[in-house]
Every structure is written in structure tokens, then in C-alpha cells.
Protein backbone atom coordinates (compact mmCIF):
# COMPACT_ATOMS: atom_id res chain seq x y z
CA MET A 1 0.00 0.07 -0.07
CA PHE A 2 2.72 2.49 1.02
CA ARG A 3 4.58 1.55 -2.21
CA LYS A 4 1.50 2.34 -4.28
CA TRP A 5 1.20 5.78 -2.57
CA GLN A 6 4.86 6.44 -3.22
CA GLU A 7 4.46 5.77 -6.83
CA LYS A 8 1.10 7.65 -7.19
CA TRP A 9 2.65 10.82 -5.64
CA GLN A 10 6.07 10.33 -7.16
CA VAL A 11 7.90 10.88 -3.81
CA THR A 12 10.85 9.43 -2.05
CA SER A 13 10.43 7.11 0.96
CA LEU A 14 11.48 9.80 3.29
CA GLN A 15 8.90 12.21 1.82
CA LEU A 16 6.24 9.48 2.15
CA VAL A 17 6.94 9.27 5.79
CA LEU A 18 6.84 12.97 6.30
CA ILE A 19 3.63 13.11 4.35
CA ILE A 20 1.91 10.55 6.40
CA ALA A 21 3.22 12.28 9.58
CA THR A 22 1.74 15.50 8.31
CA PHE A 23 -1.67 13.83 7.77
CA ALA A 24 -1.72 12.38 11.30
CA LEU A 25 -0.62 15.65 13.03
CA GLY A 26 -2.80 17.73 11.02
CA GLY A 27 -5.79 15.49 11.72
CA SER A 28 -4.90 15.69 15.46
CA LEU A 29 -4.57 19.41 15.34
CA CYS A 30 -7.92 19.81 13.58
CA GLY A 31 -9.69 17.66 16.11
CA TRP A 32 -8.15 19.56 19.00
CA LEU A 33 -9.11 22.94 17.54
CA GLY A 34 -12.60 21.75 16.86
CA ARG A 35 -13.12 20.66 20.50
CA GLN A 36 -11.60 23.97 21.71
CA LEU A 37 -14.03 25.93 19.71
CA LEU A 38 -16.94 24.12 20.83
CA LEU A 39 -16.07 24.67 24.37
CA LEU A 40 -16.20 28.36 23.98
CA THR A 41 -19.90 27.84 22.96
CA GLY A 42 -20.87 26.14 26.25
CA LEU A 43 -22.94 23.54 24.41
CA ASP A 44 -23.71 20.22 25.98
CA LYS A 45 -22.69 17.17 24.07
CA GLY A 46 -25.51 16.01 22.05
CA LEU A 47 -26.62 15.43 18.38
CA PHE A 48 -26.28 19.23 17.48
CA TRP A 49 -22.77 19.07 19.17
CA PHE A 50 -21.58 16.27 17.18
CA ILE A 51 -23.01 17.75 13.91
CA LEU A 52 -21.22 21.07 14.66
CA TYR A 53 -18.16 19.33 15.35
CA ILE A 54 -18.10 17.53 12.13
CA VAL A 55 -18.70 20.68 10.19
CA LEU A 56 -15.77 22.46 12.14
CA ILE A 57 -13.33 19.68 11.63
CA SER A 58 -14.25 19.60 7.83
CA LEU A 59 -13.45 23.34 7.66
CA LEU A 60 -10.35 23.24 9.81
CA TRP A 61 -8.65 20.10 8.34
CA PRO A 62 -7.22 21.81 5.14
CA VAL A 63 -5.77 24.57 7.35
CA SER A 64 -4.44 22.16 9.87
CA VAL A 65 -2.54 20.03 7.43
CA LEU A 66 -1.12 23.01 5.69
CA LEU A 67 0.17 24.41 8.98
CA MET A 68 1.77 20.99 9.97
CA SER A 69 3.24 20.68 6.47
CA ILE A 70 5.51 23.83 7.01
CA PRO A 71 7.78 22.46 9.71
CA LEU A 72 7.92 19.11 8.16
CA GLY A 73 8.90 20.64 4.74
CA GLN A 74 5.98 19.35 2.86
CA PHE A 75 3.96 22.62 2.28
CA ARG A 76 4.41 22.41 -1.56
CA PHE A 77 2.87 18.95 -1.60
CA PHE A 78 0.06 19.64 0.47
CA SER A 79 -0.78 23.01 -1.14
CA LYS A 80 -1.25 21.13 -4.39
CA TYR A 81 -3.18 18.28 -2.66
CA VAL A 82 -5.63 20.61 -0.86
CA GLY A 83 -5.95 22.54 -4.21
CA ARG A 84 -6.82 19.53 -6.13
CA ILE A 85 -9.52 18.52 -3.45
CA VAL A 86 -11.06 22.00 -3.52
CA GLY A 87 -11.19 21.97 -7.32
CA ARG A 88 -12.73 18.57 -7.50
CA PHE A 89 -15.41 19.65 -5.07
CA ARG A 90 -16.09 22.73 -6.98
CA LYS A 91 -16.32 20.88 -10.29
CA LYS A 92 -18.85 18.41 -8.85
CA LYS A 93 -20.84 21.32 -7.26
CA VAL A 94 -21.23 22.92 -10.50
CA ALA A 95 -22.03 19.67 -12.27
CA ASP A 96 -24.67 18.83 -9.67
CA SER A 97 -26.29 22.24 -9.39
CA SER A 98 -29.76 22.07 -10.85
CA THR A 99 -29.88 25.84 -11.37
CA ASN A 100 -26.72 25.81 -13.59
CA THR A 101 -27.82 25.15 -17.12
CA GLU A 102 -24.35 25.40 -18.75
CA LYS A 103 -21.74 22.82 -18.53
CA SER A 104 -18.05 23.58 -17.69
CA PRO A 105 -15.62 23.35 -20.68
CA SER A 106 -14.12 19.85 -21.44
CA TYR A 107 -10.34 20.07 -21.26
CA LEU A 108 -8.40 18.09 -23.99
CA ALA A 109 -4.90 16.78 -23.96
CA ILE A 110 -3.21 16.23 -27.37
CA PHE A 111 -0.46 13.46 -27.44
CA ALA A 112 1.99 13.84 -30.27
CA SER A 113 5.48 12.71 -31.10
CA GLY A 114 6.34 14.62 -34.29
CA ALA A 115 5.85 17.70 -36.31
CA GLY A 116 2.32 18.21 -34.97
CA SER A 117 0.31 19.11 -38.17
CA ASN A 118 -2.73 17.39 -36.90
CA ALA A 119 -2.41 18.76 -33.41
CA LEU A 120 -2.15 22.33 -35.07
CA LYS A 121 -5.39 21.68 -37.08
CA ILE A 122 -7.29 20.72 -33.84
CA ILE A 123 -5.86 23.67 -31.85
CA GLU A 124 -6.98 26.11 -34.59
CA SER A 125 -10.31 24.47 -34.95
CA LEU A 126 -10.95 24.98 -31.18
CA LYS A 127 -9.46 28.45 -30.99
CA ASN A 128 -12.84 30.18 -30.29
CA ASN A 129 -14.60 27.20 -28.95
CA GLU A 130 -15.90 27.93 -25.28
CA GLN A 131 -16.91 24.31 -24.64
CA ILE A 132 -13.83 22.36 -25.60
CA LYS A 133 -10.37 23.61 -24.69
CA VAL A 134 -6.89 22.29 -25.55
CA ALA A 135 -5.34 22.40 -22.13
CA LEU A 136 -2.21 20.42 -22.51
CA ILE A 137 0.27 18.92 -25.26
CA VAL A 138 1.98 15.68 -24.14
CA CYS A 139 5.24 14.74 -26.02
CA ASN A 140 7.75 12.01 -25.68
CA LYS A 141 10.40 13.64 -27.97
CA PRO A 142 12.11 16.82 -26.89
CA GLY A 143 12.71 19.11 -29.80
CA SER A 144 9.61 17.84 -31.69
CA GLY A 145 7.86 20.31 -33.90
CA VAL A 146 4.55 20.03 -31.72
CA ILE A 147 6.45 21.65 -28.92
CA GLN A 148 6.97 24.72 -30.95
CA ILE A 149 3.25 24.83 -31.96
CA ALA A 150 2.29 24.58 -28.20
CA ALA A 151 4.60 27.46 -27.37
CA ALA A 152 3.15 29.66 -30.16
CA HIS A 153 -0.44 28.98 -28.77
CA GLN A 154 0.57 29.32 -25.21
CA ILE A 155 -0.48 25.73 -24.49
CA PRO A 156 1.50 23.99 -21.60
CA VAL A 157 3.63 20.99 -22.56
CA LEU A 158 4.30 17.84 -20.69
CA LEU A 159 7.46 15.93 -21.71
CA ILE A 160 7.11 12.22 -20.70
CA GLU A 161 9.70 9.42 -20.26
CA LYS A 162 9.08 5.65 -20.67
CA GLU A 163 9.71 4.41 -17.05
CA ARG A 164 6.86 6.57 -15.58
CA PHE A 165 4.70 6.16 -18.54
CA PHE A 166 4.63 2.36 -18.70
CA LYS A 167 5.55 1.26 -15.35
CA LYS A 168 4.26 3.80 -12.86
CA ASP A 169 1.15 6.09 -13.06
CA ALA A 170 1.27 6.80 -16.78
CA TYR A 171 1.27 10.52 -15.79
CA LEU A 172 -2.46 10.32 -14.60
CA SER A 173 -1.77 12.55 -11.79
CA ALA A 174 -0.49 15.24 -14.06
CA LEU A 175 -3.39 14.89 -16.42
CA GLU A 176 -5.69 15.31 -13.42
CA GLU A 177 -3.87 18.50 -12.41
CA TYR A 178 -4.85 19.99 -15.77
CA LYS A 179 -8.45 18.62 -15.35
CA ILE A 180 -8.08 16.56 -18.66
CA ASP A 181 -11.44 15.11 -19.86
CA PHE A 182 -10.32 13.62 -23.15
CA ILE A 183 -7.16 12.54 -24.85
CA VAL A 184 -6.53 12.80 -28.57
CA LEU A 185 -3.56 10.97 -30.19
CA ALA A 186 -2.19 12.93 -33.12
CA GLY A 187 0.84 11.01 -34.30
CA PHE A 188 1.71 9.69 -30.94
CA LEU A 189 3.93 6.43 -31.38
CA TRP A 190 3.82 4.95 -28.00
CA LYS A 191 1.16 2.29 -26.95
CA ILE A 192 -1.24 3.67 -24.35
CA PRO A 193 -0.89 1.59 -21.16
CA ALA A 194 -3.96 -0.13 -19.73
CA PHE A 195 -3.86 2.02 -16.69
CA LEU A 196 -4.52 5.18 -18.73
CA ILE A 197 -7.26 3.55 -20.78
CA LYS A 198 -9.09 2.40 -17.66
CA ALA A 199 -8.95 6.05 -16.34
CA TYR A 200 -10.35 7.31 -19.68
CA PRO A 201 -12.77 4.81 -21.01
CA LYS A 202 -13.97 5.83 -24.51
CA LYS A 203 -12.35 9.05 -24.05
CA ILE A 204 -9.06 8.52 -25.83
CA ILE A 205 -9.28 9.12 -29.56
CA ASN A 206 -6.65 8.03 -32.18
CA ILE A 207 -6.17 8.46 -35.96
CA HIS A 208 -4.61 5.70 -38.05
CA PRO A 209 -3.38 6.23 -41.61
CA ALA A 210 -5.17 3.18 -43.07
CA LEU A 211 -8.78 1.68 -43.37
CA LEU A 212 -8.82 -0.44 -40.20
CA PRO A 213 -8.79 -3.41 -39.51
CA ALA A 214 -6.62 -3.59 -42.41
CA TYR A 215 -2.82 -2.49 -41.97
CA GLY A 216 -3.13 -2.08 -38.16
CA GLY A 217 -1.08 -3.32 -35.28
CA LYS A 218 2.25 -3.10 -33.84
CA GLY A 219 4.84 -1.50 -36.08
CA MET A 220 2.10 -0.26 -38.51
CA TYR A 221 2.61 3.61 -38.48
CA GLY A 222 3.63 6.31 -40.91
CA HIS A 223 5.53 5.19 -43.92
CA PHE A 224 5.39 1.50 -42.85
CA VAL A 225 1.64 1.61 -43.50
CA HIS A 226 1.86 3.36 -46.89
CA GLU A 227 4.59 0.96 -48.04
CA ALA A 228 2.44 -2.08 -47.15
CA VAL A 229 -0.51 -0.67 -48.92
CA ILE A 230 1.49 0.10 -52.26
CA ALA A 231 3.23 -3.31 -52.01
CA ASN A 232 -0.08 -5.03 -51.76
CA LYS A 233 -1.43 -2.97 -54.80
CA GLU A 234 -4.48 -1.81 -53.02
CA SER A 235 -7.00 0.30 -54.87
CA ARG A 236 -7.98 2.32 -52.08
CA SER A 237 -6.62 3.57 -48.64
CA GLY A 238 -7.66 6.12 -46.13
CA ILE A 239 -7.93 7.12 -42.52
CA SER A 240 -9.65 5.44 -39.38
CA ILE A 241 -10.58 7.51 -36.36
CA HIS A 242 -11.29 5.32 -33.41
CA TYR A 243 -11.45 4.91 -29.63
CA VAL A 244 -8.37 3.47 -27.95
CA ASP A 245 -8.45 0.19 -26.24
CA GLU A 246 -5.71 -2.25 -24.86
CA LEU A 247 -4.72 -3.51 -28.35
CA TYR A 248 -2.99 -1.72 -31.26
CA ASP A 249 -5.48 -0.02 -33.50
CA HIS A 250 -8.35 -2.23 -32.22
CA GLY A 251 -10.87 0.03 -30.58
CA GLU A 252 -14.33 1.00 -31.81
CA ILE A 253 -14.18 2.97 -35.09
CA ILE A 254 -15.73 6.24 -35.10
CA PHE A 255 -15.25 7.51 -38.61
CA GLN A 256 -13.47 6.41 -41.84
CA ALA A 257 -12.70 8.25 -45.05
CA ASP A 258 -10.96 6.87 -48.17
CA CYS A 259 -8.98 7.87 -51.27
CA ALA A 260 -8.23 6.19 -54.52
CA LEU A 261 -4.72 4.82 -55.55
CA THR A 262 -3.37 4.88 -58.84
CA ALA A 263 -0.71 2.70 -60.55
CA THR A 264 1.86 5.51 -60.14
CA ASP A 265 1.38 6.16 -56.50
CA THR A 266 4.38 5.86 -54.20
CA PRO A 267 4.47 5.70 -50.22
CA GLU A 268 5.24 9.44 -50.48
CA THR A 269 2.25 10.31 -52.78
CA LEU A 270 -0.03 8.29 -50.66
CA ALA A 271 1.20 9.92 -47.42
CA ALA A 272 0.33 13.32 -49.08
CA LYS A 273 -3.26 12.00 -49.77
CA ILE A 274 -3.58 10.63 -46.22
CA HIS A 275 -2.47 13.80 -44.69
CA ALA A 276 -5.06 15.81 -46.67
CA LEU A 277 -7.82 13.46 -45.36
CA GLU A 278 -6.47 13.77 -41.87
CA HIS A 279 -6.43 17.57 -41.98
CA ALA A 280 -9.97 17.69 -43.64
CA HIS A 281 -11.67 15.43 -41.20
CA PHE A 282 -9.91 14.76 -37.93
CA PRO A 283 -10.57 18.11 -36.10
CA GLY A 284 -14.30 17.99 -36.99
CA ILE A 285 -14.64 14.40 -35.89
CA VAL A 286 -12.80 15.14 -32.55
CA ILE A 287 -15.20 18.09 -31.90
CA ALA A 288 -18.19 16.15 -32.78
CA THR A 289 -17.39 13.21 -30.74
CA ILE A 290 -16.73 15.14 -27.64
CA GLU A 291 -19.75 17.15 -28.19
CA LYS A 292 -21.91 14.07 -28.38
CA GLN A 293 -20.43 12.66 -25.17
CA ARG A 294 -21.11 16.10 -23.48
CA ALA A 295 -24.76 15.97 -24.63
CA CYS A 296 -25.30 12.71 -22.79
């Protein structure tokens, strides 16, 4: 259990001990302050006393743990921790309010590994959209073109590494900090781990440069797909936009579009046709898919 907490919070063993100590001391301080305040009221212990006590400690707990975190050197951790709790409470309160007829925006993270042309098209399509916001660019390759695109549009970038992505929390805690509701894979070459798929069921969308289920699977990306299509003398190819599941290029298909091949097509000319289809359809399908889920 302790190891799970350590991995989730990305802290050292010593930090974990100090965090647990802060929880314990903060809880004790919170309880003591609640009792002292109730003594000042002169109330006898009874149902109303206990109700008031619960309300008081609920209000005092964040302050208590933040105070105890200062001498233990964990203020930075707990300020973020308390902030996330407050943020979730506010988000739930807005969602549950019967008087609020407008939903809060859906926040989108775009995962990309390369130049980012599809990411750019999505960003541009959502520029004036008040209901869907690109909140984060996730990239596994420092120096990729998509990072420059993010900077030009003032979108935060999260650079990820394999160890944490595949063997730890898959950066779920970071995605939660940015309140990410949907993930779009726009030329992202790593397989999405099951941990992240379970956290975002039917909320991870990918685009594949072929007509699935043909020419999908491990190693089938980019020019490898186009070379295989040309080698097999196919008459048509295209794009598939689909939900992501635990298998490569396997999830439920949302949309497909195709193009004709000629005898003179090469992997390069086919790639150009596929890019044209991606840019024409991907942003609109992403927006329509998210809007459909928001309406449910």
C-alpha cells in the first residue's frame, strides 16, 4: 500500500513518511481545535454538538494539514493536494447544481510525437470554442515540432519518459492536475498503457493512416503503413478515427474516409493524400465526438 502511494505521488520514501506524519498531526490538530472552539460555545454534548463538530473539523482540516506541513517541509505537496480536492469539489458542485444550465468546458490533452500538423489543425479548430479547450500537449520527444506549436499557442507542454509512462502512473496525476477530460492521439507513437485506458474509457481518440482493420497493429505507422498498402497493390486507402483500447488499432471505429490509389502512387504520394484526409476530417470528428459525449 505504501509503495502504491509512493508511486502515485512520485515521492521518495522519506517524503512519504513526512507526508503520512503531516496527515496524522494535521488530523490531531484539527480535532483539538474543533473541540476547543466548541468549548467556547458552552454547548452540552448531544446530536447538535456532534453535527457542529463534524462541520468544524471539515473546515479546519485543510488549514491544519497546511500548518503542520510547514515544519515538516511538505507545504508544496499539501498546497497542491488541498488545491486538487477543492478543485474537484467545486467541479462536482457545478455539475450537480440544478440551477446551472451550462456545463463547464471539456479539457483536451493532445499526445503527439512529431511535427504536430494534426495537433495544429485541432488547436486552430478549437481556438474560439468555449466548450472544448486544448489544455495540454503531451510529447515523448524533446525538440519535436509540436512543442513549438504549443509554445506559439501558449499551451502547456508535458514531456514524458518511458519508465513512468509504462511502469508507474502513466502521468495520470499530471493529467488530473490539468483537469483533462479527453485525450487525442495525433501522431503519438507509444502504445497507451492499460492504466490510462481504464482512467479514460472511451475518452481516448486516435487516428490511423489506413482503413482498419487492415494495416493495423504493432509497427504499422507512418510510412510503414503506406509501403505495405502500395506493396499489396490496393486500390484504396484512407484514415480511421477510433477509440483506443488495450490492443493496437483495435478500438471501436468512429469514422473512416478513403481515397483512390493509382498505378503511379508511391508511399510518398499516398502519404500526402492521407495527410489531406486527416487535416480535412480529424478536427471536426474530434469536436463532434466530444460534443456528443457532453450532450449525454
